[in-house]
């Protein structure tokens, strides 16, 4: 599935969870939505342009500092346009 289809399925699952009757039904919809959200998030990550995914910047041989562009995570999240 492409990102557009994933977004549509994610929204449908959230709407079904809002209209669900029981706790088990709601939890099953929310778990399915969480799996789709993790797929969307994993496809929108990009290596940081400053540290190239390391999470830190080497200043000298003995010193490193945390990359402030990605805050030490090593990746940036692209803004996904809203539907």
Protein backbone atom coordinates (compact mmCIF):
# COMPACT_ATOMS: atom_id res chain seq x y z
CA UNK A 1 0.00 0.00 0.00
CA UNK A 2 1.14 3.51 -0.66
CA UNK A 3 1.01 6.28 1.91
CA UNK A 4 -2.28 7.66 0.61
CA UNK A 5 -4.05 4.32 1.12
CA UNK A 6 -2.46 3.93 4.55
CA UNK A 7 -3.73 7.35 5.60
CA UNK A 8 -7.27 6.53 4.44
CA UNK A 9 -7.26 3.18 6.26
CA UNK A 10 -5.87 4.85 9.39
CA UNK A 11 -8.68 7.42 9.44
CA UNK A 12 -11.32 4.73 8.84
CA UNK A 13 -10.02 2.68 11.75
CA UNK A 14 -10.06 5.69 14.06
CA UNK A 15 -13.65 6.46 13.06
CA UNK A 16 -14.66 2.84 13.68
CA UNK A 17 -12.96 2.94 17.09
CA UNK A 18 -14.93 6.09 18.00
CA UNK A 19 -18.20 4.36 17.08
CA UNK A 20 -17.37 0.95 18.60
CA UNK A 21 -19.65 -0.51 21.26
CA UNK A 22 -17.38 -2.50 23.55
CA UNK A 23 -13.91 -2.20 25.01
CA UNK A 24 -12.49 -5.20 23.12
CA UNK A 25 -13.78 -3.92 19.80
CA UNK A 26 -12.33 -0.45 20.44
CA UNK A 27 -8.95 -1.86 21.46
CA UNK A 28 -8.75 -4.05 18.37
CA UNK A 29 -9.43 -1.07 16.09
CA UNK A 30 -6.88 1.08 17.92
CA UNK A 31 -4.23 -1.65 17.73
CA UNK A 32 -4.77 -1.98 13.98
CA UNK A 33 -4.53 1.80 13.64
CA UNK A 34 -1.27 1.81 15.63
CA UNK A 35 0.26 -0.73 13.23
CA UNK A 36 -0.67 1.46 10.26
CA UNK A 37 0.68 4.57 11.99
CA UNK A 38 4.02 2.86 12.60
CA UNK A 39 4.21 2.01 8.88
CA UNK A 40 3.50 5.65 7.99
CA UNK A 41 6.10 6.87 10.48
CA UNK A 42 8.80 4.47 9.30
CA UNK A 43 8.40 5.58 5.69
CA UNK A 44 8.63 9.27 6.60
CA UNK A 45 11.98 9.11 8.44
CA UNK A 46 15.04 10.61 6.73
CA UNK A 47 18.64 10.59 7.92
CA UNK A 48 19.72 13.89 9.43
CA UNK A 49 21.56 16.13 6.96
CA UNK A 50 24.05 17.37 9.57
CA UNK A 51 25.09 14.19 11.41
CA UNK A 52 24.12 11.71 8.64
CA UNK A 53 22.25 9.46 11.07
CA UNK A 54 24.89 9.26 13.82
CA UNK A 55 23.08 11.53 16.30
CA UNK A 56 26.23 13.38 17.27
CA UNK A 57 28.77 15.72 15.68
CA UNK A 58 32.47 15.01 16.12
CA UNK A 59 34.22 18.26 16.99
CA UNK A 60 37.68 16.84 17.62
CA UNK A 61 39.13 13.39 18.28
CA UNK A 62 38.23 13.58 21.95
CA UNK A 63 35.00 15.56 21.85
CA UNK A 64 31.54 15.01 20.39
CA UNK A 65 28.36 16.99 20.81
CA UNK A 66 24.73 16.07 20.27
CA UNK A 67 23.36 17.10 16.90
CA UNK A 68 20.78 19.84 17.50
CA UNK A 69 19.03 19.35 14.15
CA UNK A 70 17.76 15.87 15.06
CA UNK A 71 18.30 16.15 18.86
CA UNK A 72 20.48 13.05 18.92
CA UNK A 73 17.96 10.74 17.23
CA UNK A 74 19.83 10.56 13.95
CA UNK A 75 16.76 11.09 11.78
CA UNK A 76 14.24 13.75 10.86
CA UNK A 77 10.56 13.21 10.20
CA UNK A 78 9.21 14.69 6.98
CA UNK A 79 5.98 16.62 7.22
CA UNK A 80 3.25 14.47 5.66
CA UNK A 81 0.63 16.63 4.01
CA UNK A 82 -2.88 16.40 5.42
CA UNK A 83 -5.62 14.89 3.31
